[in-house]
C-alpha atoms as a PDB file:
ATOM      1  CA  MET A   1     -29.650  55.952 -23.738  1.00  0.00           C
ATOM      2  CA  ILE A   2     -30.185  52.985 -21.414  1.00  0.00           C
ATOM      3  CA  GLY A   3     -27.570  53.161 -18.656  1.00  0.00           C
ATOM      4  CA  TYR A   4     -28.403  49.847 -17.026  1.00  0.00           C
ATOM      5  CA  LEU A   5     -31.124  47.238 -16.582  1.00  0.00           C
ATOM      6  CA  ARG A   6     -32.209  45.843 -13.239  1.00  0.00           C
ATOM      7  CA  GLY A   7     -34.464  42.816 -13.238  1.00  0.00           C
ATOM      8  CA  GLU A   8     -34.600  39.029 -13.185  1.00  0.00           C
ATOM      9  CA  LEU A   9     -32.300  36.852 -15.257  1.00  0.00           C
ATOM     10  CA  ALA A  10     -34.686  34.962 -17.554  1.00  0.00           C
ATOM     11  CA  GLU A  11     -32.247  33.328 -19.999  1.00  0.00           C
ATOM     12  CA  ASN A  12     -28.502  32.796 -20.190  1.00  0.00           C
ATOM     13  CA  ARG A  13     -27.192  31.354 -23.430  1.00  0.00           C
ATOM     14  CA  PRO A  14     -23.890  31.722 -25.327  1.00  0.00           C
ATOM     15  CA  GLY A  15     -23.395  35.330 -26.346  1.00  0.00           C
ATOM     16  CA  GLN A  16     -26.729  36.576 -25.045  1.00  0.00           C
ATOM     17  CA  ILE A  17     -28.910  36.866 -21.971  1.00  0.00           C
ATOM     18  CA  VAL A  18     -32.507  37.937 -21.425  1.00  0.00           C
ATOM     19  CA  ILE A  19     -33.429  40.169 -18.493  1.00  0.00           C
ATOM     20  CA  ASP A  20     -37.052  40.391 -17.394  1.00  0.00           C
ATOM     21  CA  VAL A  21     -37.726  43.979 -16.302  1.00  0.00           C
ATOM     22  CA  ASN A  22     -41.297  44.291 -15.034  1.00  0.00           C
ATOM     23  CA  GLY A  23     -42.575  41.760 -17.551  1.00  0.00           C
ATOM     24  CA  VAL A  24     -40.524  42.989 -20.530  1.00  0.00           C
ATOM     25  CA  GLY A  25     -37.723  40.717 -21.713  1.00  0.00           C
ATOM     26  CA  TYR A  26     -34.622  42.581 -22.894  1.00  0.00           C
ATOM     27  CA  GLU A  27     -32.182  40.627 -25.069  1.00  0.00           C
ATOM     28  CA  VAL A  28     -28.656  41.694 -24.161  1.00  0.00           C
ATOM     29  CA  ILE A  29     -25.407  40.701 -25.891  1.00  0.00           C
ATOM     30  CA  VAL A  30     -22.723  40.000 -23.287  1.00  0.00           C
ATOM     31  CA  SER A  31     -19.128  38.819 -23.030  1.00  0.00           C
ATOM     32  CA  ASP A  32     -18.275  35.280 -21.969  1.00  0.00           C
ATOM     33  CA  LYS A  33     -16.848  36.600 -18.713  1.00  0.00           C
ATOM     34  CA  THR A  34     -20.076  38.411 -17.856  1.00  0.00           C
ATOM     35  CA  ARG A  35     -22.123  35.271 -18.596  1.00  0.00           C
ATOM     36  CA  GLU A  36     -19.899  33.149 -16.373  1.00  0.00           C
ATOM     37  CA  ASN A  37     -20.269  35.531 -13.441  1.00  0.00           C
ATOM     38  CA  LEU A  38     -24.052  35.869 -13.507  1.00  0.00           C
ATOM     39  CA  PRO A  39     -26.247  34.123 -10.937  1.00  0.00           C
ATOM     40  CA  ALA A  40     -28.643  31.293 -11.743  1.00  0.00           C
ATOM     41  CA  ILE A  41     -31.787  31.827 -13.830  1.00  0.00           C
ATOM     42  CA  GLY A  42     -34.517  33.528 -11.825  1.00  0.00           C
ATOM     43  CA  ASN A  43     -32.169  35.613  -9.677  1.00  0.00           C
ATOM     44  CA  PRO A  44     -32.045  39.429  -9.683  1.00  0.00           C
ATOM     45  CA  VAL A  45     -29.325  41.071 -11.786  1.00  0.00           C
ATOM     46  CA  LYS A  46     -28.119  44.542 -12.668  1.00  0.00           C
ATOM     47  CA  ILE A  47     -26.443  44.897 -16.061  1.00  0.00           C
ATOM     48  CA  TYR A  48     -24.799  48.086 -17.361  1.00  0.00           C
ATOM     49  CA  THR A  49     -25.623  48.621 -21.033  1.00  0.00           C
ATOM     50  CA  PHE A  50     -24.676  50.220 -24.332  1.00  0.00           C
ATOM     51  CA  LEU A  51     -27.290  50.727 -27.058  1.00  0.00           C
ATOM     52  CA  SER A  52     -25.867  50.279 -30.565  1.00  0.00           C
ATOM     53  CA  VAL A  53     -27.976  51.770 -33.359  1.00  0.00           C
ATOM     54  CA  ARG A  54     -26.872  50.812 -36.881  1.00  0.00           C
ATOM     55  CA  GLU A  55     -28.460  50.671 -40.312  1.00  0.00           C
ATOM     56  CA  ASP A  56     -28.867  46.913 -40.002  1.00  0.00           C
ATOM     57  CA  GLY A  57     -30.534  46.991 -36.589  1.00  0.00           C
ATOM     58  CA  VAL A  58     -30.448  47.917 -32.921  1.00  0.00           C
ATOM     59  CA  SER A  59     -28.456  45.893 -30.389  1.00  0.00           C
ATOM     60  CA  LEU A  60     -28.109  46.139 -26.636  1.00  0.00           C
ATOM     61  CA  TYR A  61     -24.722  45.208 -25.153  1.00  0.00           C
ATOM     62  CA  GLY A  62     -24.411  44.425 -21.467  1.00  0.00           C
ATOM     63  CA  PHE A  63     -21.721  44.399 -18.793  1.00  0.00           C
ATOM     64  CA  GLU A  64     -21.707  42.990 -15.309  1.00  0.00           C
ATOM     65  CA  ARG A  65     -19.507  45.760 -13.911  1.00  0.00           C
ATOM     66  CA  LYS A  66     -19.096  49.481 -14.537  1.00  0.00           C
ATOM     67  CA  ASP A  67     -15.369  49.130 -15.246  1.00  0.00           C
ATOM     68  CA  GLU A  68     -16.159  46.634 -18.022  1.00  0.00           C
ATOM     69  CA  GLN A  69     -18.631  49.106 -19.538  1.00  0.00           C
ATOM     70  CA  ASP A  70     -16.088  51.936 -19.279  1.00  0.00           C
ATOM     71  CA  MET A  71     -13.430  49.783 -20.978  1.00  0.00           C
ATOM     72  CA  PHE A  72     -15.917  48.918 -23.730  1.00  0.00           C
ATOM     73  CA  TYR A  73     -16.455  52.632 -24.421  1.00  0.00           C
ATOM     74  CA  LYS A  74     -12.688  53.148 -24.638  1.00  0.00           C
ATOM     75  CA  LEU A  75     -12.294  50.235 -27.044  1.00  0.00           C
ATOM     76  CA  ILE A  76     -15.045  51.304 -29.458  1.00  0.00           C
ATOM     77  CA  SER A  77     -13.475  54.775 -29.615  1.00  0.00           C
ATOM     78  CA  VAL A  78     -10.535  53.160 -31.444  1.00  0.00           C
ATOM     79  CA  SER A  79     -10.791  53.228 -35.236  1.00  0.00           C
ATOM     80  CA  GLY A  80     -11.513  49.752 -36.550  1.00  0.00           C
ATOM     81  CA  VAL A  81     -12.907  48.394 -33.277  1.00  0.00           C
ATOM     82  CA  GLY A  82     -16.675  48.004 -33.262  1.00  0.00           C
ATOM     83  CA  PRO A  83     -18.966  46.754 -30.479  1.00  0.00           C
ATOM     84  CA  LYS A  84     -18.506  43.093 -31.478  1.00  0.00           C
ATOM     85  CA  GLY A  85     -14.726  43.427 -31.549  1.00  0.00           C
ATOM     86  CA  ALA A  86     -14.680  45.192 -28.188  1.00  0.00           C
ATOM     87  CA  LEU A  87     -16.856  42.480 -26.683  1.00  0.00           C
ATOM     88  CA  SER A  88     -14.607  39.734 -28.070  1.00  0.00           C
ATOM     89  CA  ILE A  89     -11.664  41.382 -26.287  1.00  0.00           C
ATOM     90  CA  LEU A  90     -13.600  41.585 -23.019  1.00  0.00           C
ATOM     91  CA  SER A  91     -14.545  37.922 -23.411  1.00  0.00           C
ATOM     92  CA  VAL A  92     -10.857  37.029 -23.286  1.00  0.00           C
ATOM     93  CA  PHE A  93      -9.428  39.542 -20.803  1.00  0.00           C
ATOM     94  CA  ASP A  94     -10.363  40.778 -17.372  1.00  0.00           C
ATOM     95  CA  VAL A  95     -10.319  44.587 -17.372  1.00  0.00           C
ATOM     96  CA  PRO A  96      -7.209  44.865 -15.133  1.00  0.00           C
ATOM     97  CA  ASP A  97      -5.307  42.400 -17.340  1.00  0.00           C
ATOM     98  CA  LEU A  98      -6.300  44.292 -20.486  1.00  0.00           C
ATOM     99  CA  LYS A  99      -5.230  47.614 -18.992  1.00  0.00           C
ATOM    100  CA  TYR A 100      -1.926  46.058 -17.990  1.00  0.00           C
ATOM    101  CA  ALA A 101      -1.379  44.767 -21.546  1.00  0.00           C
ATOM    102  CA  ILE A 102      -2.180  48.194 -23.036  1.00  0.00           C
ATOM    103  CA  LEU A 103       0.127  50.086 -20.672  1.00  0.00           C
ATOM    104  CA  ASN A 104       2.911  47.601 -21.374  1.00  0.00           C
ATOM    105  CA  ALA A 105       2.328  47.763 -25.145  1.00  0.00           C
ATOM    106  CA  ASP A 106       1.751  44.014 -25.319  1.00  0.00           C
ATOM    107  CA  GLY A 107       0.128  43.864 -28.746  1.00  0.00           C
ATOM    108  CA  THR A 108       0.823  40.158 -29.102  1.00  0.00           C
ATOM    109  CA  LYS A 109      -1.302  39.415 -26.059  1.00  0.00           C
ATOM    110  CA  ILE A 110      -4.163  41.692 -27.127  1.00  0.00           C
ATOM    111  CA  SER A 111      -4.222  40.161 -30.613  1.00  0.00           C
ATOM    112  CA  LYS A 112      -5.114  36.797 -29.065  1.00  0.00           C
ATOM    113  CA  ALA A 113      -8.716  38.016 -28.919  1.00  0.00           C
ATOM    114  CA  PRO A 114     -10.883  36.726 -31.808  1.00  0.00           C
ATOM    115  CA  THR A 115     -11.115  39.116 -34.803  1.00  0.00           C
ATOM    116  CA  ILE A 116      -8.358  41.336 -33.397  1.00  0.00           C
ATOM    117  CA  GLY A 117      -5.235  41.353 -35.542  1.00  0.00           C
ATOM    118  CA  LYS A 118      -1.812  42.760 -34.711  1.00  0.00           C
ATOM    119  CA  LYS A 119      -2.434  46.093 -36.441  1.00  0.00           C
ATOM    120  CA  THR A 120      -5.682  46.607 -34.551  1.00  0.00           C
ATOM    121  CA  ALA A 121      -3.982  45.639 -31.287  1.00  0.00           C
ATOM    122  CA  GLU A 122      -1.247  48.206 -31.950  1.00  0.00           C
ATOM    123  CA  ARG A 123      -3.888  50.857 -32.692  1.00  0.00           C
ATOM    124  CA  ILE A 124      -5.624  50.057 -29.397  1.00  0.00           C
ATOM    125  CA  ILE A 125      -2.342  50.535 -27.540  1.00  0.00           C
ATOM    126  CA  ILE A 126      -1.542  53.840 -29.292  1.00  0.00           C
ATOM    127  CA  ASP A 127      -5.025  55.291 -28.804  1.00  0.00           C
ATOM    128  CA  LEU A 128      -5.669  54.139 -25.238  1.00  0.00           C
ATOM    129  CA  LYS A 129      -2.293  54.125 -23.526  1.00  0.00           C
ATOM    130  CA  ASP A 130      -2.669  57.735 -22.372  1.00  0.00           C
ATOM    131  CA  LYS A 131      -6.317  57.231 -21.370  1.00  0.00           C
ATOM    132  CA  ILE A 132      -5.574  54.661 -18.679  1.00  0.00           C
ATOM    133  CA  ASP A 133      -4.426  55.801 -15.259  1.00  0.00           C
ATOM    134  CA  LYS A 134      -1.496  53.699 -14.093  1.00  0.00           C
ATOM    135  CA  SER A 135      -2.836  53.903 -10.532  1.00  0.00           C
ATOM    136  CA  GLU A 136      -5.857  51.878 -11.706  1.00  0.00           C
ATOM    137  CA  ILE A 137      -3.697  48.767 -12.006  1.00  0.00           C
ATOM    138  CA  LEU A 138      -1.288  49.470  -9.173  1.00  0.00           C
ATOM    139  CA  GLY A 139      -0.399  46.121  -7.627  1.00  0.00           C
ATOM    140  CA  ILE A 140      -2.107  44.189 -10.422  1.00  0.00           C
ATOM    141  CA  VAL A 141      -0.079  41.940 -12.687  1.00  0.00           C
ATOM    142  CA  PRO A 142      -1.102  39.692 -15.582  1.00  0.00           C
ATOM    143  CA  GLU A 143      -3.125  36.566 -14.848  1.00  0.00           C
ATOM    144  CA  GLU A 144      -0.141  34.293 -15.426  1.00  0.00           C
ATOM    145  CA  THR A 145       1.857  35.885 -12.594  1.00  0.00           C
ATOM    146  CA  ALA A 146      -0.819  37.211 -10.288  1.00  0.00           C
ATOM    147  CA  ASP A 147      -0.075  34.975  -7.313  1.00  0.00           C
ATOM    148  CA  THR A 148       2.601  36.921  -5.445  1.00  0.00           C
ATOM    149  CA  ASN A 149       2.398  40.587  -6.454  1.00  0.00           C
ATOM    150  CA  VAL A 150      -1.140  41.569  -5.529  1.00  0.00           C
ATOM    151  CA  LYS A 151      -1.125  43.439  -2.235  1.00  0.00           C
ATOM    152  CA  LEU A 152      -4.461  43.772  -0.497  1.00  0.00           C
ATOM    153  CA  THR A 153      -4.952  45.222   2.949  1.00  0.00           C
ATOM    154  CA  GLY A 154      -7.683  45.846   5.502  1.00  0.00           C
ATOM    155  CA  GLU A 155     -11.208  44.698   4.639  1.00  0.00           C
ATOM    156  CA  ALA A 156     -10.115  43.387   1.233  1.00  0.00           C
ATOM    157  CA  LYS A 157      -7.440  41.189   2.811  1.00  0.00           C
ATOM    158  CA  ASP A 158      -9.997  39.899   5.327  1.00  0.00           C
ATOM    159  CA  ALA A 159     -12.286  38.962   2.425  1.00  0.00           C
ATOM    160  CA  VAL A 160      -9.426  37.082   0.731  1.00  0.00           C
ATOM    161  CA  ASP A 161      -8.705  35.204   3.956  1.00  0.00           C
ATOM    162  CA  ALA A 162     -12.390  34.312   4.256  1.00  0.00           C
ATOM    163  CA  LEU A 163     -12.439  32.925   0.713  1.00  0.00           C
ATOM    164  CA  ILE A 164      -9.331  30.875   1.404  1.00  0.00           C
ATOM    165  CA  SER A 165     -10.989  29.467   4.528  1.00  0.00           C
ATOM    166  CA  LEU A 166     -13.906  28.408   2.291  1.00  0.00           C
ATOM    167  CA  GLY A 167     -11.517  26.352   0.187  1.00  0.00           C
ATOM    168  CA  TYR A 168     -10.593  28.708  -2.662  1.00  0.00           C
ATOM    169  CA  ASP A 169      -6.923  29.134  -3.524  1.00  0.00           C
ATOM    170  CA  ARG A 170      -5.174  32.447  -2.849  1.00  0.00           C
ATOM    171  CA  LYS A 171      -4.719  33.455  -6.492  1.00  0.00           C
ATOM    172  CA  ALA A 172      -8.393  32.947  -7.356  1.00  0.00           C
ATOM    173  CA  SER A 173      -9.465  34.675  -4.130  1.00  0.00           C
ATOM    174  CA  GLU A 174      -7.315  37.735  -4.766  1.00  0.00           C
ATOM    175  CA  LYS A 175      -8.505  38.068  -8.357  1.00  0.00           C
ATOM    176  CA  ALA A 176     -12.144  37.787  -7.262  1.00  0.00           C
ATOM    177  CA  VAL A 177     -11.711  40.488  -4.606  1.00  0.00           C
ATOM    178  CA  ILE A 178      -9.906  42.810  -7.036  1.00  0.00           C
ATOM    179  CA  ALA A 179     -12.759  42.327  -9.512  1.00  0.00           C
ATOM    180  CA  VAL A 180     -15.280  43.677  -6.973  1.00  0.00           C
ATOM    181  CA  GLU A 181     -16.115  47.259  -7.830  1.00  0.00           C
ATOM    182  CA  ASP A 182     -14.942  49.692  -5.090  1.00  0.00           C
ATOM    183  CA  HIS A 183     -13.509  46.786  -3.068  1.00  0.00           C
ATOM    184  CA  ASP A 184     -11.280  49.265  -1.222  1.00  0.00           C
ATOM    185  CA  LYS A 185     -14.359  51.094   0.121  1.00  0.00           C
ATOM    186  CA  LEU A 186     -16.522  48.152   1.216  1.00  0.00           C
ATOM    187  CA  GLU A 187     -16.652  46.086   4.381  1.00  0.00           C
ATOM    188  CA  SER A 188     -15.232  42.572   4.208  1.00  0.00           C
ATOM    189  CA  GLY A 189     -18.675  40.906   4.372  1.00  0.00           C
ATOM    190  CA  ASP A 190     -19.949  42.852   1.365  1.00  0.00           C
ATOM    191  CA  ILE A 191     -16.742  42.173  -0.552  1.00  0.00           C
ATOM    192  CA  LEU A 192     -17.061  38.473   0.247  1.00  0.00           C
ATOM    193  CA  LYS A 193     -20.631  38.259  -1.091  1.00  0.00           C
ATOM    194  CA  LYS A 194     -19.711  39.982  -4.363  1.00  0.00           C
ATOM    195  CA  ALA A 195     -16.448  38.032  -4.761  1.00  0.00           C
ATOM    196  CA  LEU A 196     -18.304  34.735  -4.420  1.00  0.00           C
ATOM    197  CA  GLN A 197     -20.377  35.678  -7.484  1.00  0.00           C
ATOM    198  CA  TYR A 198     -17.170  35.759  -9.552  1.00  0.00           C
ATOM    199  CA  LEU A 199     -16.085  32.380  -8.282  1.00  0.00           C
ATOM    200  CA  PHE A 200     -19.311  30.463  -8.987  1.00  0.00           C
END
């Protein structure tokens, strides 16, 4: 199993990227959200991966963050949801928003993802509702209403303030900081650097 790839971003095209790892180019299927958050061609990247082995071929799926990879594993554990379906969901939803929709049994919202019908969305909710810790989305609300309910303190709040001073609006700044893995354990400068990657 390949846990992750660390190398140079060689190509970035719709649905797929190529990572050069010591002269070997790995083709990796990624979500739209992962593609949008990657740096420019030629920059170093670390992508978490899932190796899919099927009768019709071998495919490598990639994720910018560990929480996206973890959510992917949860999704493909649901009957009727394969790697492509899981990736289509993650192309539409941020992980916190998806968890919120699952915990609130919002099948209509989940079914907005391509190839995901209402029955599949309901199955996702039934199978995963008990596998998501409510504390993971504490203070997080859906994208549409995320401007007043997110409460960040300490270093994370300082990072938000720094982003606002750079010209980003509060809602976008808060979402970028929340998206940073372990943002509650990092110093504001490190959070700021990682959050900027989500905003470019």
